[in-house]
Amino acid sequence: MAVDIDQFQIDFPQFANTDTDLISSAIATALLMVGEAEWGPMATRAQSLLTAHILALQAQAAATDGRNTGNLTGISIPSEVSMQFSQTASFGGKGEEGLKTTTYGQEFLQLRQFRFLPFRIV
């Protein structure tokens, strides 16, 4: 069962006012990354978490004009404000650090640890 926008907005009320076209686009991306055959009964939850993660990153990018802020590692204010940020890893693969940047991504990673493939005895 794929992610339903109305149910997604109920499950994640922080996105209740998010444009449904943005949600639909994020769902489409999540569906490409989380297959039902591989995830079994946990697929819809994993897709929803990944959708929320994508939307949270999009909101963060919009709030920072697309700048990668990473984690604040230093700040100085002599004559001008100067901030230093660590780099965040890219999404996926060894860049799973990117998933750790939102609570949704963190829950996705936890769910992935418990994923199992259903088997049949023939």
N, C-alpha and C. Protein backbone atom coordinates (compact mmCIF):
# COMPACT_ATOMS: atom_id res chain seq x y z
N MET A 1 0.84 -1.17 0.00
CA MET A 1 0.00 0.00 0.00
C MET A 1 0.89 1.24 0.00
N ALA A 2 0.67 2.12 -0.93
CA ALA A 2 1.48 3.34 -1.05
C ALA A 2 1.00 4.40 -0.06
N VAL A 3 1.82 5.40 0.09
CA VAL A 3 1.52 6.50 1.00
C VAL A 3 0.37 7.34 0.44
N ASP A 4 -0.62 7.61 1.27
CA ASP A 4 -1.76 8.44 0.91
C ASP A 4 -1.52 9.84 1.51
N ILE A 5 -1.69 10.89 0.71
CA ILE A 5 -1.40 12.26 1.17
C ILE A 5 -2.23 12.63 2.38
N ASP A 6 -3.52 12.34 2.35
CA ASP A 6 -4.38 12.69 3.49
C ASP A 6 -3.94 11.98 4.76
N GLN A 7 -3.64 10.69 4.66
CA GLN A 7 -3.18 9.94 5.82
C GLN A 7 -1.82 10.44 6.28
N PHE A 8 -0.95 10.80 5.32
CA PHE A 8 0.37 11.34 5.66
C PHE A 8 0.21 12.60 6.51
N GLN A 9 -0.70 13.49 6.11
CA GLN A 9 -0.90 14.74 6.85
C GLN A 9 -1.53 14.49 8.22
N ILE A 10 -2.26 13.41 8.38
CA ILE A 10 -2.78 13.05 9.70
C ILE A 10 -1.64 12.49 10.56
N ASP A 11 -0.84 11.62 9.98
CA ASP A 11 0.27 11.00 10.71
C ASP A 11 1.38 12.00 11.05
N PHE A 12 1.55 13.00 10.19
CA PHE A 12 2.58 14.02 10.37
C PHE A 12 1.90 15.40 10.30
N PRO A 13 1.21 15.79 11.37
CA PRO A 13 0.43 17.03 11.33
C PRO A 13 1.26 18.29 11.09
N GLN A 14 2.55 18.22 11.31
CA GLN A 14 3.40 19.37 11.04
C GLN A 14 3.44 19.70 9.55
N PHE A 15 2.99 18.77 8.71
CA PHE A 15 2.93 19.00 7.26
C PHE A 15 1.49 19.19 6.77
N ALA A 16 0.57 19.44 7.70
CA ALA A 16 -0.84 19.59 7.34
C ALA A 16 -1.07 20.77 6.40
N ASN A 17 -0.26 21.80 6.52
CA ASN A 17 -0.43 22.99 5.67
C ASN A 17 0.56 23.03 4.50
N THR A 18 1.30 21.96 4.32
CA THR A 18 2.26 21.89 3.22
C THR A 18 1.52 21.64 1.91
N ASP A 19 1.95 22.30 0.87
CA ASP A 19 1.33 22.16 -0.45
C ASP A 19 1.32 20.68 -0.85
N THR A 20 0.17 20.20 -1.29
CA THR A 20 0.05 18.77 -1.62
C THR A 20 0.91 18.38 -2.82
N ASP A 21 1.23 19.32 -3.70
CA ASP A 21 2.13 19.01 -4.81
C ASP A 21 3.53 18.70 -4.30
N LEU A 22 3.99 19.44 -3.27
CA LEU A 22 5.30 19.17 -2.66
C LEU A 22 5.29 17.81 -1.98
N ILE A 23 4.20 17.52 -1.28
CA ILE A 23 4.10 16.22 -0.61
C ILE A 23 4.09 15.10 -1.64
N SER A 24 3.33 15.28 -2.70
CA SER A 24 3.24 14.27 -3.75
C SER A 24 4.61 14.01 -4.38
N SER A 25 5.37 15.07 -4.61
CA SER A 25 6.72 14.93 -5.18
C SER A 25 7.64 14.18 -4.22
N ALA A 26 7.55 14.51 -2.93
CA ALA A 26 8.39 13.82 -1.94
C ALA A 26 7.99 12.35 -1.83
N ILE A 27 6.69 12.07 -1.90
CA ILE A 27 6.23 10.68 -1.86
C ILE A 27 6.79 9.91 -3.06
N ALA A 28 6.74 10.53 -4.24
CA ALA A 28 7.25 9.87 -5.45
C ALA A 28 8.73 9.51 -5.29
N THR A 29 9.50 10.41 -4.69
CA THR A 29 10.92 10.13 -4.45
C THR A 29 11.08 8.99 -3.46
N ALA A 30 10.30 9.03 -2.37
CA ALA A 30 10.39 7.98 -1.36
C ALA A 30 10.01 6.62 -1.93
N LEU A 31 9.01 6.59 -2.80
CA LEU A 31 8.58 5.32 -3.41
C LEU A 31 9.69 4.71 -4.26
N LEU A 32 10.49 5.57 -4.89
CA LEU A 32 11.62 5.07 -5.69
C LEU A 32 12.70 4.46 -4.80
N MET A 33 12.80 4.94 -3.59
CA MET A 33 13.88 4.52 -2.70
C MET A 33 13.50 3.40 -1.75
N VAL A 34 12.21 3.22 -1.52
CA VAL A 34 11.74 2.21 -0.57
C VAL A 34 10.72 1.33 -1.28
N GLY A 35 11.16 0.18 -1.72
CA GLY A 35 10.29 -0.74 -2.44
C GLY A 35 9.49 -1.62 -1.50
N GLU A 36 8.26 -1.89 -1.89
CA GLU A 36 7.39 -2.73 -1.06
C GLU A 36 7.89 -4.18 -1.00
N ALA A 37 8.48 -4.67 -2.08
CA ALA A 37 8.98 -6.05 -2.08
C ALA A 37 10.10 -6.21 -1.06
N GLU A 38 10.94 -5.22 -0.94
CA GLU A 38 12.08 -5.30 -0.03
C GLU A 38 11.67 -5.04 1.42
N TRP A 39 10.73 -4.11 1.63
CA TRP A 39 10.36 -3.69 2.97
C TRP A 39 9.15 -4.41 3.54
N GLY A 40 8.41 -5.09 2.69
CA GLY A 40 7.24 -5.84 3.16
C GLY A 40 6.22 -4.96 3.87
N PRO A 41 5.69 -5.42 5.00
CA PRO A 41 4.63 -4.68 5.69
C PRO A 41 5.10 -3.35 6.29
N MET A 42 6.40 -3.12 6.34
CA MET A 42 6.92 -1.86 6.88
C MET A 42 7.13 -0.81 5.79
N ALA A 43 6.81 -1.14 4.55
CA ALA A 43 7.08 -0.24 3.43
C ALA A 43 6.38 1.11 3.56
N THR A 44 5.10 1.10 3.86
CA THR A 44 4.35 2.35 3.93
C THR A 44 4.91 3.27 5.02
N ARG A 45 5.23 2.69 6.17
CA ARG A 45 5.81 3.50 7.26
C ARG A 45 7.16 4.06 6.84
N ALA A 46 8.00 3.24 6.23
CA ALA A 46 9.31 3.70 5.79
C ALA A 46 9.17 4.79 4.73
N GLN A 47 8.24 4.61 3.80
CA GLN A 47 8.02 5.62 2.76
C GLN A 47 7.53 6.93 3.37
N SER A 48 6.67 6.83 4.37
CA SER A 48 6.16 8.03 5.04
C SER A 48 7.28 8.77 5.77
N LEU A 49 8.12 8.02 6.48
CA LEU A 49 9.24 8.64 7.19
C LEU A 49 10.20 9.31 6.23
N LEU A 50 10.49 8.64 5.12
CA LEU A 50 11.40 9.22 4.14
C LEU A 50 10.76 10.45 3.49
N THR A 51 9.46 10.41 3.25
CA THR A 51 8.75 11.58 2.72
C THR A 51 8.88 12.76 3.69
N ALA A 52 8.65 12.51 4.97
CA ALA A 52 8.76 13.57 5.98
C ALA A 52 10.18 14.11 6.05
N HIS A 53 11.15 13.22 5.95
CA HIS A 53 12.57 13.64 5.95
C HIS A 53 12.85 14.56 4.77
N ILE A 54 12.40 14.17 3.60
CA ILE A 54 12.62 14.99 2.39
C ILE A 54 11.96 16.35 2.55
N LEU A 55 10.74 16.37 3.04
CA LEU A 55 10.03 17.65 3.22
C LEU A 55 10.72 18.53 4.27
N ALA A 56 11.22 17.92 5.32
CA ALA A 56 11.93 18.69 6.36
C ALA A 56 13.20 19.30 5.78
N LEU A 57 13.92 18.53 4.96
CA LEU A 57 15.13 19.07 4.33
C LEU A 57 14.79 20.19 3.36
N GLN A 58 13.68 20.04 2.64
CA GLN A 58 13.26 21.10 1.72
C GLN A 58 12.91 22.37 2.49
N ALA A 59 12.25 22.23 3.63
CA ALA A 59 11.91 23.39 4.45
C ALA A 59 13.16 24.05 4.99
N GLN A 60 14.13 23.24 5.39
CA GLN A 60 15.40 23.77 5.89
C GLN A 60 16.14 24.51 4.78
N ALA A 61 16.15 23.94 3.59
CA ALA A 61 16.81 24.58 2.46
C ALA A 61 16.13 25.91 2.12
N ALA A 62 14.80 25.94 2.18
CA ALA A 62 14.07 27.17 1.88
C ALA A 62 14.38 28.24 2.93
N ALA A 63 14.51 27.82 4.19
CA ALA A 63 14.77 28.76 5.27
C ALA A 63 16.19 29.33 5.22
N THR A 64 17.11 28.59 4.58
CA THR A 64 18.51 29.04 4.51
C THR A 64 18.91 29.43 3.10
N ASP A 65 17.92 29.64 2.24
CA ASP A 65 18.18 29.96 0.83
C ASP A 65 19.07 28.92 0.16
N GLY A 66 18.92 27.68 0.58
CA GLY A 66 19.65 26.58 -0.04
C GLY A 66 21.07 26.38 0.45
N ARG A 67 21.50 27.20 1.40
CA ARG A 67 22.86 27.04 1.94
C ARG A 67 22.91 25.81 2.85
N ASN A 68 23.97 25.05 2.74
CA ASN A 68 24.18 23.91 3.61
C ASN A 68 24.79 24.42 4.89
N THR A 69 24.00 24.47 5.96
CA THR A 69 24.51 25.02 7.20
C THR A 69 25.20 23.97 8.07
N GLY A 70 24.83 22.74 7.95
CA GLY A 70 25.43 21.70 8.78
C GLY A 70 25.24 22.00 10.25
N ASN A 71 26.16 21.53 11.07
CA ASN A 71 26.10 21.78 12.51
C ASN A 71 26.98 22.97 12.83
N LEU A 72 26.48 23.87 13.66
CA LEU A 72 27.25 25.03 14.05
C LEU A 72 28.44 24.58 14.88
N THR A 73 29.65 24.94 14.44
CA THR A 73 30.85 24.54 15.16
C THR A 73 31.60 25.72 15.76
N GLY A 74 31.26 26.94 15.36
CA GLY A 74 31.93 28.09 15.93
C GLY A 74 31.27 29.38 15.49
N ILE A 75 31.46 30.42 16.28
CA ILE A 75 30.93 31.72 15.93
C ILE A 75 31.85 32.79 16.52
N SER A 76 32.07 33.85 15.79
CA SER A 76 32.85 34.97 16.30
C SER A 76 32.20 36.27 15.86
N ILE A 77 32.28 37.30 16.73
CA ILE A 77 31.64 38.58 16.42
C ILE A 77 32.59 39.74 16.74
N PRO A 78 33.73 39.82 16.06
CA PRO A 78 34.57 41.01 16.29
C PRO A 78 33.95 42.23 15.62
N SER A 79 34.19 42.45 14.36
CA SER A 79 33.57 43.57 13.66
C SER A 79 32.44 43.08 12.76
N GLU A 80 32.49 41.81 12.37
CA GLU A 80 31.44 41.20 11.55
C GLU A 80 31.09 39.86 12.15
N VAL A 81 29.89 39.45 11.94
CA VAL A 81 29.47 38.13 12.41
C VAL A 81 30.07 37.08 11.49
N SER A 82 30.67 36.07 12.06
CA SER A 82 31.25 34.98 11.29
C SER A 82 30.82 33.67 11.93
N MET A 83 30.19 32.82 11.14
CA MET A 83 29.76 31.52 11.64
C MET A 83 30.44 30.41 10.86
N GLN A 84 30.73 29.33 11.53
CA GLN A 84 31.34 28.17 10.88
C GLN A 84 30.43 26.97 11.09
N PHE A 85 30.27 26.22 10.02
CA PHE A 85 29.40 25.05 10.07
C PHE A 85 30.17 23.83 9.58
N SER A 86 29.86 22.68 10.17
CA SER A 86 30.44 21.44 9.67
C SER A 86 29.66 21.04 8.43
N GLN A 87 30.28 20.24 7.59
CA GLN A 87 29.60 19.75 6.40
C GLN A 87 28.77 18.54 6.78
N THR A 88 27.58 18.45 6.24
CA THR A 88 26.78 17.25 6.45
C THR A 88 27.02 16.30 5.29
N ALA A 89 26.95 15.04 5.58
CA ALA A 89 27.18 14.04 4.54
C ALA A 89 26.02 14.01 3.57
N SER A 90 26.27 13.46 2.40
CA SER A 90 25.22 13.37 1.40
C SER A 90 24.24 12.26 1.76
N PHE A 91 23.10 12.24 1.10
CA PHE A 91 22.03 11.29 1.39
C PHE A 91 22.36 9.91 0.83
N GLY A 92 22.10 8.90 1.61
CA GLY A 92 22.21 7.52 1.13
C GLY A 92 23.61 6.96 1.20
N GLY A 93 23.72 5.65 0.96
CA GLY A 93 25.02 4.97 0.96
C GLY A 93 25.79 5.25 2.23
N LYS A 94 27.08 5.57 2.07
CA LYS A 94 27.89 5.92 3.23
C LYS A 94 27.46 7.24 3.82
N GLY A 95 26.70 8.01 3.05
CA GLY A 95 26.22 9.30 3.51
C GLY A 95 24.96 9.18 4.35
N GLU A 96 24.81 8.11 5.08
CA GLU A 96 23.65 7.96 5.94
C GLU A 96 23.59 9.04 7.00
N GLU A 97 24.69 9.74 7.19
CA GLU A 97 24.69 10.86 8.13
C GLU A 97 23.62 11.86 7.75
N GLY A 98 23.32 11.98 6.45
CA GLY A 98 22.27 12.89 6.00
C GLY A 98 20.92 12.52 6.57
N LEU A 99 20.66 11.23 6.74
CA LEU A 99 19.40 10.79 7.31
C LEU A 99 19.32 11.13 8.80
N LYS A 100 20.46 11.29 9.42
CA LYS A 100 20.49 11.59 10.85
C LYS A 100 20.18 13.05 11.15
N THR A 101 20.03 13.86 10.11
CA THR A 101 19.82 15.29 10.32
C THR A 101 18.38 15.64 10.67
N THR A 102 17.45 14.69 10.54
CA THR A 102 16.07 14.93 10.96
C THR A 102 15.61 13.76 11.83
N THR A 103 14.64 14.01 12.67
CA THR A 103 14.11 12.92 13.49
C THR A 103 13.43 11.87 12.62
N TYR A 104 12.89 12.30 11.48
CA TYR A 104 12.24 11.35 10.56
C TYR A 104 13.28 10.41 9.95
N GLY A 105 14.41 10.96 9.55
CA GLY A 105 15.49 10.16 9.00
C GLY A 105 16.05 9.20 10.04
N GLN A 106 16.15 9.67 11.28
CA GLN A 106 16.65 8.81 12.36
C GLN A 106 15.70 7.64 12.60
N GLU A 107 14.39 7.92 12.59
CA GLU A 107 13.42 6.84 12.78
C GLU A 107 13.45 5.88 11.59
N PHE A 108 13.64 6.42 10.39
CA PHE A 108 13.78 5.59 9.19
C PHE A 108 14.95 4.62 9.36
N LEU A 109 16.09 5.12 9.83
CA LEU A 109 17.27 4.27 10.03
C LEU A 109 16.98 3.18 11.08
N GLN A 110 16.27 3.54 12.14
CA GLN A 110 15.91 2.54 13.15
C GLN A 110 15.01 1.46 12.56
N LEU A 111 14.02 1.90 11.80
CA LEU A 111 13.10 0.95 11.18
C LEU A 111 13.85 0.02 10.23
N ARG A 112 14.82 0.58 9.51
CA ARG A 112 15.59 -0.22 8.56
C ARG A 112 16.37 -1.32 9.27
N GLN A 113 16.81 -1.05 10.49
CA GLN A 113 17.55 -2.07 11.24
C GLN A 113 16.68 -3.28 11.56
N PHE A 114 15.38 -3.05 11.70
CA PHE A 114 14.47 -4.13 12.06
C PHE A 114 13.77 -4.76 10.87
N ARG A 115 14.13 -4.29 9.68
CA ARG A 115 13.49 -4.80 8.47
C ARG A 115 13.90 -6.26 8.26
N PHE A 116 12.97 -7.02 7.81
CA PHE A 116 13.25 -8.41 7.47
C PHE A 116 12.51 -8.75 6.21
N LEU A 117 13.03 -9.70 5.50
CA LEU A 117 12.36 -10.16 4.29
C LEU A 117 11.46 -11.33 4.66
N PRO A 118 10.19 -11.23 4.30
CA PRO A 118 9.31 -12.37 4.59
C PRO A 118 9.73 -13.56 3.75
N PHE A 119 9.57 -14.74 4.29
CA PHE A 119 9.93 -15.94 3.51
C PHE A 119 8.78 -16.92 3.53
N ARG A 120 8.80 -17.77 2.55
CA ARG A 120 7.78 -18.79 2.43
C ARG A 120 8.43 -20.16 2.44
N ILE A 121 7.78 -21.08 3.08
CA ILE A 121 8.24 -22.47 3.03
C ILE A 121 7.47 -23.13 1.91
N VAL A 122 8.20 -23.68 0.97
CA VAL A 122 7.56 -24.28 -0.21
C VAL A 122 7.65 -25.78 -0.11
